[in-house]
Amino acid sequence: MTEKTETVSPTAKPAATMTMPDDISDVRVSDIPVLLVFTVLFFVVALQFFTRYVLNSSLGWTEEIARYLLILLAFVGSVTCVRKGKHIYLQFFFRYLPEQVIKPLALLIEATVMGFFAYAGWLGLTLAERTQAQRMVSIDLPKNLIYYAVVAACFAMALCAAARLYQTLKRPAADVVAEKTGHVA
């Protein structure tokens, strides 16, 4: 019985290796809150894990704070998604529409996104004002601090959508078609 030996070049990359781009030029100052919230969330969850499984005595406040930080991460991170235009839209339908319809539809979608987030921010503002007396369970802070952060994120998303609406309005229709359909113009 013979064994088959395979030689591999020392410079060859494994097939399952993913390469990450080194270009971070699309990171803006508005992305800093996302990074801060994520970092704090990481340390709170690590503290929760350490105290629960290593010290066998969990800190009570870590679970509630981690939950609120996860909510913040979702909304503050959504600002980056809207700024980059990576929010959900149905690219599938753009491929089957006539080209003359795509830019007006893209404008309508951006206007709808802007209106939705502005309205969500306004509703969140009324909710935050109504819950001024409520306190967090584990630490003595008003619960509406979370609501105000969500409101700020919703209004920031509305501003980003307004900026994208303006950019889409100024761009030639052929560029918008190429972006929405995934074809190179």
Protein backbone atom coordinates (compact mmCIF):
# COMPACT_ATOMS: atom_id res chain seq x y z
CA MET A 1 0.00 0.00 0.00
CA THR A 2 1.50 3.33 -1.04
CA GLU A 3 0.62 6.76 0.25
CA LYS A 4 0.09 9.62 -2.08
CA THR A 5 1.96 12.77 -1.07
CA GLU A 6 0.82 16.12 -2.34
CA THR A 7 3.22 19.03 -2.50
CA VAL A 8 1.89 22.51 -1.91
CA SER A 9 3.64 25.69 -2.89
CA PRO A 10 4.58 27.79 0.15
CA THR A 11 3.07 30.87 -1.50
CA ALA A 12 -0.25 29.23 -2.38
CA LYS A 13 -3.28 30.38 -0.41
CA PRO A 14 -5.76 27.84 0.95
CA ALA A 15 -9.00 27.74 -1.03
CA ALA A 16 -11.15 28.60 2.00
CA THR A 17 -9.17 31.72 2.91
CA MET A 18 -11.09 34.95 2.60
CA THR A 19 -9.17 38.11 1.98
CA MET A 20 -10.34 41.30 3.60
CA PRO A 21 -9.62 44.58 1.87
CA ASP A 22 -7.23 46.93 3.62
CA ASP A 23 -9.06 49.96 2.29
CA ILE A 24 -11.02 51.73 5.03
CA SER A 25 -11.58 54.93 3.07
CA ASP A 26 -15.36 54.58 3.40
CA VAL A 27 -15.20 54.92 7.22
CA ARG A 28 -16.49 58.32 8.30
CA VAL A 29 -16.66 60.27 11.55
CA SER A 30 -20.33 59.27 11.77
CA ASP A 31 -19.18 55.64 12.17
CA ILE A 32 -17.33 56.34 15.43
CA PRO A 33 -20.44 55.91 17.65
CA VAL A 34 -20.95 52.44 16.16
CA LEU A 35 -17.40 51.47 17.04
CA LEU A 36 -17.73 52.89 20.55
CA VAL A 37 -21.03 51.12 21.28
CA PHE A 38 -19.64 47.86 19.90
CA THR A 39 -16.50 48.16 22.04
CA VAL A 40 -18.47 48.87 25.21
CA LEU A 41 -20.87 46.01 24.40
CA PHE A 42 -17.90 43.66 23.92
CA PHE A 43 -16.45 44.54 27.31
CA VAL A 44 -19.80 44.32 29.12
CA VAL A 45 -20.50 40.88 27.64
CA ALA A 46 -16.94 39.76 28.44
CA LEU A 47 -17.41 40.98 32.02
CA GLN A 48 -20.74 39.17 32.20
CA PHE A 49 -19.14 35.95 30.94
CA PHE A 50 -16.18 36.27 33.31
CA THR A 51 -18.27 36.92 36.40
CA ARG A 52 -20.83 34.24 35.60
CA TYR A 53 -18.60 31.36 34.49
CA VAL A 54 -15.24 32.10 36.12
CA LEU A 55 -16.22 33.77 39.39
CA ASN A 56 -19.54 31.90 39.58
CA SER A 57 -21.24 35.09 40.78
CA SER A 58 -22.89 37.09 38.02
CA LEU A 59 -23.20 40.86 38.12
CA GLY A 60 -26.88 41.73 37.85
CA TRP A 61 -26.56 44.87 35.76
CA THR A 62 -24.56 43.37 32.89
CA GLU A 63 -27.50 41.56 31.29
CA GLU A 64 -29.73 44.64 31.16
CA ILE A 65 -26.96 46.94 29.97
CA ALA A 66 -25.89 44.43 27.30
CA ARG A 67 -29.50 44.32 26.05
CA TYR A 68 -29.68 48.12 25.80
CA LEU A 69 -26.28 48.31 24.13
CA LEU A 70 -27.39 45.74 21.56
CA ILE A 71 -30.43 47.89 20.79
CA LEU A 72 -28.17 50.92 20.40
CA LEU A 73 -25.78 48.98 18.20
CA ALA A 74 -28.61 48.04 15.85
CA PHE A 75 -29.91 51.59 15.46
CA VAL A 76 -26.57 53.41 15.44
CA GLY A 77 -25.16 50.83 13.02
CA SER A 78 -28.15 51.38 10.76
CA VAL A 79 -27.00 54.96 10.24
CA THR A 80 -23.90 53.61 8.50
CA CYS A 81 -26.01 51.25 6.40
CA VAL A 82 -28.30 54.05 5.22
CA ARG A 83 -25.33 56.36 4.59
CA LYS A 84 -23.75 53.73 2.34
CA GLY A 85 -27.06 52.82 0.71
CA LYS A 86 -26.82 49.25 1.97
CA HIS A 87 -30.31 49.14 3.43
CA ILE A 88 -32.69 46.55 2.08
CA TYR A 89 -34.18 47.17 -1.33
CA LEU A 90 -35.37 44.73 -3.94
CA GLN A 91 -32.57 44.69 -6.49
CA PHE A 92 -34.27 41.73 -8.15
CA PHE A 93 -37.07 43.95 -9.50
CA PHE A 94 -34.67 46.57 -10.85
CA ARG A 95 -33.25 43.98 -13.25
CA TYR A 96 -36.62 43.48 -14.95
CA LEU A 97 -37.83 47.08 -15.11
CA PRO A 98 -37.38 49.35 -18.11
CA GLU A 99 -34.34 51.58 -17.68
CA GLN A 100 -36.35 54.81 -17.85
CA VAL A 101 -38.31 53.77 -14.73
CA ILE A 102 -35.32 52.90 -12.52
CA LYS A 103 -34.14 56.40 -11.56
CA PRO A 104 -37.64 57.69 -10.65
CA LEU A 105 -38.23 54.51 -8.65
CA ALA A 106 -34.87 54.90 -6.87
CA LEU A 107 -35.82 58.49 -5.99
CA LEU A 108 -39.19 57.32 -4.67
CA ILE A 109 -37.51 54.64 -2.57
CA GLU A 110 -35.00 57.10 -1.06
CA ALA A 111 -37.81 59.57 -0.31
CA THR A 112 -39.83 56.79 1.34
CA VAL A 113 -36.83 55.71 3.42
CA MET A 114 -36.24 59.32 4.47
CA GLY A 115 -39.89 59.80 5.42
CA PHE A 116 -40.04 56.51 7.30
CA PHE A 117 -37.02 57.28 9.47
CA ALA A 118 -38.15 60.86 10.13
CA TYR A 119 -41.56 59.57 11.23
CA ALA A 120 -39.96 56.82 13.34
CA GLY A 121 -37.79 59.48 15.00
CA TRP A 122 -40.82 61.63 15.73
CA LEU A 123 -42.69 58.67 17.22
CA GLY A 124 -39.62 57.77 19.28
CA LEU A 125 -39.44 61.34 20.55
CA THR A 126 -43.02 61.18 21.80
CA LEU A 127 -42.31 57.81 23.44
CA ALA A 128 -39.19 59.15 25.14
CA GLU A 129 -41.10 62.13 26.50
CA ARG A 130 -43.86 59.88 27.86
CA THR A 131 -41.43 57.59 29.67
CA GLN A 132 -39.41 60.20 31.56
CA ALA A 133 -40.38 58.77 34.95
CA GLN A 134 -39.37 55.17 34.16
CA ARG A 135 -36.02 53.99 35.51
CA MET A 136 -33.81 51.08 34.49
CA VAL A 137 -34.13 48.06 36.75
CA SER A 138 -30.52 47.36 37.65
CA ILE A 139 -28.98 50.85 37.58
CA ASP A 140 -30.57 54.13 38.51
CA LEU A 141 -30.76 55.81 35.12
CA PRO A 142 -33.82 56.99 33.19
CA LYS A 143 -34.90 54.49 30.57
CA ASN A 144 -35.68 57.25 28.09
CA LEU A 145 -31.92 57.75 27.53
CA ILE A 146 -32.09 54.68 25.29
CA TYR A 147 -35.13 56.07 23.51
CA TYR A 148 -33.41 59.41 22.89
CA ALA A 149 -30.39 57.61 21.42
CA VAL A 150 -32.72 55.67 19.10
CA VAL A 151 -34.44 58.94 18.15
CA ALA A 152 -31.08 60.52 17.31
CA ALA A 153 -30.19 57.49 15.18
CA CYS A 154 -33.54 57.64 13.34
CA PHE A 155 -33.10 61.33 12.55
CA ALA A 156 -29.49 60.67 11.45
CA MET A 157 -30.79 57.94 9.12
CA ALA A 158 -33.36 60.38 7.73
CA LEU A 159 -30.58 62.91 7.05
CA CYS A 160 -28.45 60.25 5.36
CA ALA A 161 -31.42 59.21 3.22
CA ALA A 162 -32.00 62.87 2.31
CA ALA A 163 -28.36 63.16 1.24
CA ARG A 164 -28.67 60.00 -0.86
CA LEU A 165 -31.89 61.33 -2.38
CA TYR A 166 -30.08 64.52 -3.38
CA GLN A 167 -27.12 62.55 -4.77
CA THR A 168 -29.42 60.27 -6.77
CA LEU A 169 -31.28 63.28 -8.12
CA LYS A 170 -28.02 64.84 -9.39
CA ARG A 171 -26.62 61.64 -10.94
CA PRO A 172 -27.23 60.70 -14.56
CA ALA A 173 -29.90 58.06 -15.08
CA ALA A 174 -27.38 55.66 -16.66
CA ASP A 175 -25.26 55.68 -13.47
CA VAL A 176 -28.31 55.01 -11.29
CA VAL A 177 -29.36 52.15 -13.58
CA ALA A 178 -25.87 50.65 -13.44
CA GLU A 179 -25.81 50.85 -9.62
CA LYS A 180 -29.28 49.41 -9.08
CA THR A 181 -29.02 46.61 -11.62
CA GLY A 182 -25.44 45.68 -10.84
CA HIS A 183 -24.31 46.26 -14.43
CA VAL A 184 -21.27 48.33 -15.25
CA ALA A 185 -22.14 51.46 -17.21
